[in-house]
Amino acid sequence: MQVVDRYLEDYEVGEVRRTLSRQITESDVVLHAGQSGDFFPHHMDERWALEAGLGGRIAHGTLIITIAVGMTAGDVNPQAMSYGYDRIRFIKPVHIGDSIIVQAEITEVSDHPRRPELGRVDEHVTVTNQNGDTVLSLVHLYVVNKRS
């Protein structure tokens, strides 16, 4: 990891980043349950999940968001700050043992509506599993300093 200054003018619509894969483990699910307080049987009880027709325990959607966004966090950019997330969709369940890959594409670069010294960058994040199925989609919003 390194520090890389990227200003609004340095971003281009269509830029794509793609991560390596990462397997979702039982430890991931158990730790997230403990941190979030979400001990629903979908995540914690294999028999219950099978009887419910889920094909086994599934990872928390919030866990997959957290891991996916972390997977895209490479270089530190002091000129940008996460502004939030829009259009979050849990498309398919992620089971323990599945692997995920994340693709992030810049879809919009614009001026900030209220602060002329800032801009906004929208990045569409798509998470796929080992079969190529999309499991999660969201837009990550950034506020970015302008060079001038």
C-alpha atoms as a PDB file:
ATOM      1  CA  MET A   1       0.000   0.000   0.000  1.00  0.00           C
ATOM      2  CA  GLN A   2       1.230   3.483  -0.785  1.00  0.00           C
ATOM      3  CA  VAL A   3       0.023   7.076  -0.656  1.00  0.00           C
ATOM      4  CA  VAL A   4      -1.079   8.306  -4.080  1.00  0.00           C
ATOM      5  CA  ASP A   5      -2.634  11.748  -4.600  1.00  0.00           C
ATOM      6  CA  ARG A   6      -5.471  11.591  -7.138  1.00  0.00           C
ATOM      7  CA  TYR A   7      -7.519  14.707  -7.729  1.00  0.00           C
ATOM      8  CA  LEU A   8     -10.888  14.913  -9.447  1.00  0.00           C
ATOM      9  CA  GLU A   9      -9.194  15.720 -12.762  1.00  0.00           C
ATOM     10  CA  ASP A  10      -7.273  12.425 -12.578  1.00  0.00           C
ATOM     11  CA  TYR A  11     -10.382  10.210 -12.745  1.00  0.00           C
ATOM     12  CA  GLU A  12     -11.927   9.043 -16.006  1.00  0.00           C
ATOM     13  CA  VAL A  13     -15.300   7.459 -16.643  1.00  0.00           C
ATOM     14  CA  GLY A  14     -14.743   3.856 -17.677  1.00  0.00           C
ATOM     15  CA  GLU A  15     -11.703   3.161 -15.466  1.00  0.00           C
ATOM     16  CA  VAL A  16     -11.996  -0.384 -14.100  1.00  0.00           C
ATOM     17  CA  ARG A  17     -10.289  -2.115 -11.191  1.00  0.00           C
ATOM     18  CA  ARG A  18     -10.634  -5.857 -10.602  1.00  0.00           C
ATOM     19  CA  THR A  19      -9.504  -7.718  -7.494  1.00  0.00           C
ATOM     20  CA  LEU A  20      -8.180 -11.185  -6.917  1.00  0.00           C
ATOM     21  CA  SER A  21     -10.625 -13.667  -5.388  1.00  0.00           C
ATOM     22  CA  ARG A  22     -11.228 -14.134  -1.681  1.00  0.00           C
ATOM     23  CA  GLN A  23     -12.947 -17.066  -0.034  1.00  0.00           C
ATOM     24  CA  ILE A  24     -15.672 -16.379   2.541  1.00  0.00           C
ATOM     25  CA  THR A  25     -14.985 -18.481   5.624  1.00  0.00           C
ATOM     26  CA  GLU A  26     -16.960 -19.639   8.625  1.00  0.00           C
ATOM     27  CA  SER A  27     -14.698 -17.426  10.747  1.00  0.00           C
ATOM     28  CA  ASP A  28     -15.769 -14.400   8.676  1.00  0.00           C
ATOM     29  CA  VAL A  29     -19.435 -15.179   9.330  1.00  0.00           C
ATOM     30  CA  VAL A  30     -19.005 -15.915  13.047  1.00  0.00           C
ATOM     31  CA  LEU A  31     -16.925 -12.770  13.656  1.00  0.00           C
ATOM     32  CA  HIS A  32     -19.423 -10.611  11.767  1.00  0.00           C
ATOM     33  CA  ALA A  33     -22.324 -12.098  13.721  1.00  0.00           C
ATOM     34  CA  GLY A  34     -20.546 -11.233  16.955  1.00  0.00           C
ATOM     35  CA  GLN A  35     -19.724  -7.707  15.841  1.00  0.00           C
ATOM     36  CA  SER A  36     -23.162  -6.955  14.390  1.00  0.00           C
ATOM     37  CA  GLY A  37     -25.357  -8.921  16.800  1.00  0.00           C
ATOM     38  CA  ASP A  38     -27.033 -10.647  13.821  1.00  0.00           C
ATOM     39  CA  PHE A  39     -27.274 -14.283  14.873  1.00  0.00           C
ATOM     40  CA  PHE A  40     -30.214 -15.139  12.604  1.00  0.00           C
ATOM     41  CA  PRO A  41     -30.349 -18.844  11.742  1.00  0.00           C
ATOM     42  CA  HIS A  42     -29.760 -18.077   8.039  1.00  0.00           C
ATOM     43  CA  HIS A  43     -26.156 -17.375   9.051  1.00  0.00           C
ATOM     44  CA  MET A  44     -25.607 -19.565  12.102  1.00  0.00           C
ATOM     45  CA  ASP A  45     -27.662 -22.783  11.842  1.00  0.00           C
ATOM     46  CA  GLU A  46     -26.767 -25.159   8.999  1.00  0.00           C
ATOM     47  CA  ARG A  47     -29.753 -27.470   9.542  1.00  0.00           C
ATOM     48  CA  TRP A  48     -32.187 -24.568   9.665  1.00  0.00           C
ATOM     49  CA  ALA A  49     -30.703 -23.042   6.503  1.00  0.00           C
ATOM     50  CA  LEU A  50     -30.940 -26.356   4.646  1.00  0.00           C
ATOM     51  CA  GLU A  51     -34.532 -26.948   5.759  1.00  0.00           C
ATOM     52  CA  ALA A  52     -35.382 -23.401   4.644  1.00  0.00           C
ATOM     53  CA  GLY A  53     -34.126 -24.262   1.146  1.00  0.00           C
ATOM     54  CA  LEU A  54     -31.134 -21.925   1.284  1.00  0.00           C
ATOM     55  CA  GLY A  55     -28.585 -24.587   0.377  1.00  0.00           C
ATOM     56  CA  GLY A  56     -26.733 -24.036   3.641  1.00  0.00           C
ATOM     57  CA  ARG A  57     -25.682 -21.118   5.790  1.00  0.00           C
ATOM     58  CA  ILE A  58     -25.333 -17.797   4.006  1.00  0.00           C
ATOM     59  CA  ALA A  59     -23.035 -14.904   4.758  1.00  0.00           C
ATOM     60  CA  HIS A  60     -24.530 -11.645   5.988  1.00  0.00           C
ATOM     61  CA  GLY A  61     -25.083  -9.144   3.182  1.00  0.00           C
ATOM     62  CA  THR A  62     -23.372  -6.502   5.306  1.00  0.00           C
ATOM     63  CA  LEU A  63     -20.361  -8.798   5.651  1.00  0.00           C
ATOM     64  CA  ILE A  64     -20.083  -9.120   1.871  1.00  0.00           C
ATOM     65  CA  ILE A  65     -20.319  -5.325   1.469  1.00  0.00           C
ATOM     66  CA  THR A  66     -17.572  -4.849   4.050  1.00  0.00           C
ATOM     67  CA  ILE A  67     -15.245  -7.411   2.507  1.00  0.00           C
ATOM     68  CA  ALA A  68     -15.911  -6.255  -1.069  1.00  0.00           C
ATOM     69  CA  VAL A  69     -15.234  -2.597  -0.312  1.00  0.00           C
ATOM     70  CA  GLY A  70     -12.117  -3.584   1.636  1.00  0.00           C
ATOM     71  CA  MET A  71     -10.909  -5.638  -1.313  1.00  0.00           C
ATOM     72  CA  THR A  72     -11.009  -2.507  -3.502  1.00  0.00           C
ATOM     73  CA  ALA A  73      -9.100  -0.416  -0.943  1.00  0.00           C
ATOM     74  CA  GLY A  74      -5.584  -0.310  -2.320  1.00  0.00           C
ATOM     75  CA  ASP A  75      -3.609   2.885  -2.287  1.00  0.00           C
ATOM     76  CA  VAL A  76      -4.361   5.630   0.225  1.00  0.00           C
ATOM     77  CA  ASN A  77      -5.587   8.804  -1.494  1.00  0.00           C
ATOM     78  CA  PRO A  78      -5.472  11.833   0.835  1.00  0.00           C
ATOM     79  CA  GLN A  79      -7.467  13.794  -1.773  1.00  0.00           C
ATOM     80  CA  ALA A  80     -10.588  11.599  -1.565  1.00  0.00           C
ATOM     81  CA  MET A  81     -13.067  10.518   1.073  1.00  0.00           C
ATOM     82  CA  SER A  82     -15.853   7.952   0.945  1.00  0.00           C
ATOM     83  CA  TYR A  83     -19.196   9.764   0.809  1.00  0.00           C
ATOM     84  CA  GLY A  84     -21.433   6.709   1.103  1.00  0.00           C
ATOM     85  CA  TYR A  85     -23.139   3.988  -0.872  1.00  0.00           C
ATOM     86  CA  ASP A  86     -26.208   4.001  -3.113  1.00  0.00           C
ATOM     87  CA  ARG A  87     -28.327   1.345  -4.824  1.00  0.00           C
ATOM     88  CA  ILE A  88     -27.122  -1.563  -2.685  1.00  0.00           C
ATOM     89  CA  ARG A  89     -28.608  -4.831  -3.930  1.00  0.00           C
ATOM     90  CA  PHE A  90     -28.075  -8.339  -2.547  1.00  0.00           C
ATOM     91  CA  ILE A  91     -28.691 -10.290  -5.746  1.00  0.00           C
ATOM     92  CA  LYS A  92     -27.743 -13.850  -4.759  1.00  0.00           C
ATOM     93  CA  PRO A  93     -26.684 -15.418  -1.474  1.00  0.00           C
ATOM     94  CA  VAL A  94     -23.025 -16.034  -0.684  1.00  0.00           C
ATOM     95  CA  HIS A  95     -22.390 -19.314   1.120  1.00  0.00           C
ATOM     96  CA  ILE A  96     -19.530 -20.211   3.385  1.00  0.00           C
ATOM     97  CA  GLY A  97     -16.798 -21.514   1.105  1.00  0.00           C
ATOM     98  CA  ASP A  98     -17.769 -19.322  -1.858  1.00  0.00           C
ATOM     99  CA  SER A  99     -15.113 -17.060  -3.338  1.00  0.00           C
ATOM    100  CA  ILE A 100     -15.832 -13.514  -4.457  1.00  0.00           C
ATOM    101  CA  ILE A 101     -14.189 -11.180  -6.961  1.00  0.00           C
ATOM    102  CA  VAL A 102     -14.879  -7.447  -7.059  1.00  0.00           C
ATOM    103  CA  GLN A 103     -14.957  -5.144 -10.060  1.00  0.00           C
ATOM    104  CA  ALA A 104     -15.188  -1.374  -9.591  1.00  0.00           C
ATOM    105  CA  GLU A 105     -15.861   0.928 -12.540  1.00  0.00           C
ATOM    106  CA  ILE A 106     -15.916   4.726 -12.527  1.00  0.00           C
ATOM    107  CA  THR A 107     -19.332   5.682 -13.926  1.00  0.00           C
ATOM    108  CA  GLU A 108     -19.493   9.404 -13.172  1.00  0.00           C
ATOM    109  CA  VAL A 109     -17.091  12.264 -12.460  1.00  0.00           C
ATOM    110  CA  SER A 110     -18.795  15.567 -11.636  1.00  0.00           C
ATOM    111  CA  ASP A 111     -18.597  18.799  -9.711  1.00  0.00           C
ATOM    112  CA  HIS A 112     -19.907  18.811  -6.160  1.00  0.00           C
ATOM    113  CA  PRO A 113     -23.306  20.554  -6.186  1.00  0.00           C
ATOM    114  CA  ARG A 114     -22.575  22.823  -3.175  1.00  0.00           C
ATOM    115  CA  ARG A 115     -18.795  23.009  -2.767  1.00  0.00           C
ATOM    116  CA  PRO A 116     -16.895  24.339  -5.786  1.00  0.00           C
ATOM    117  CA  GLU A 117     -13.499  23.138  -4.489  1.00  0.00           C
ATOM    118  CA  LEU A 118     -14.735  19.518  -4.534  1.00  0.00           C
ATOM    119  CA  GLY A 119     -15.968  16.994  -7.016  1.00  0.00           C
ATOM    120  CA  ARG A 120     -17.758  13.675  -6.811  1.00  0.00           C
ATOM    121  CA  VAL A 121     -16.771  10.309  -8.256  1.00  0.00           C
ATOM    122  CA  ASP A 122     -19.280   7.456  -8.542  1.00  0.00           C
ATOM    123  CA  GLU A 123     -17.900   3.929  -8.760  1.00  0.00           C
ATOM    124  CA  HIS A 124     -20.157   1.007  -9.643  1.00  0.00           C
ATOM    125  CA  VAL A 125     -19.075  -2.035  -7.631  1.00  0.00           C
ATOM    126  CA  THR A 126     -20.052  -5.523  -8.810  1.00  0.00           C
ATOM    127  CA  VAL A 127     -19.293  -8.614  -6.748  1.00  0.00           C
ATOM    128  CA  THR A 128     -19.339 -12.020  -8.437  1.00  0.00           C
ATOM    129  CA  ASN A 129     -18.884 -15.517  -7.058  1.00  0.00           C
ATOM    130  CA  GLN A 130     -16.665 -18.340  -8.298  1.00  0.00           C
ATOM    131  CA  ASN A 131     -19.312 -19.254 -10.900  1.00  0.00           C
ATOM    132  CA  GLY A 132     -19.400 -15.744 -12.352  1.00  0.00           C
ATOM    133  CA  ASP A 133     -22.819 -14.996 -10.833  1.00  0.00           C
ATOM    134  CA  THR A 134     -23.373 -11.448  -9.603  1.00  0.00           C
ATOM    135  CA  VAL A 135     -24.086 -11.579  -5.869  1.00  0.00           C
ATOM    136  CA  LEU A 136     -23.928  -7.882  -4.919  1.00  0.00           C
ATOM    137  CA  SER A 137     -24.123  -4.542  -6.672  1.00  0.00           C
ATOM    138  CA  LEU A 138     -23.707  -1.026  -5.280  1.00  0.00           C
ATOM    139  CA  VAL A 139     -22.476   2.451  -6.136  1.00  0.00           C
ATOM    140  CA  HIS A 140     -19.633   3.769  -3.981  1.00  0.00           C
ATOM    141  CA  LEU A 141     -19.624   7.576  -3.824  1.00  0.00           C
ATOM    142  CA  TYR A 142     -16.474   9.603  -3.213  1.00  0.00           C
ATOM    143  CA  VAL A 143     -15.882  13.285  -2.550  1.00  0.00           C
ATOM    144  CA  VAL A 144     -12.595  14.332  -4.172  1.00  0.00           C
ATOM    145  CA  ASN A 145     -10.536  17.519  -4.016  1.00  0.00           C
ATOM    146  CA  LYS A 146     -10.001  19.422  -7.236  1.00  0.00           C
ATOM    147  CA  ARG A 147      -6.456  20.245  -8.239  1.00  0.00           C
ATOM    148  CA  SER A 148      -7.064  23.995  -8.603  1.00  0.00           C
END
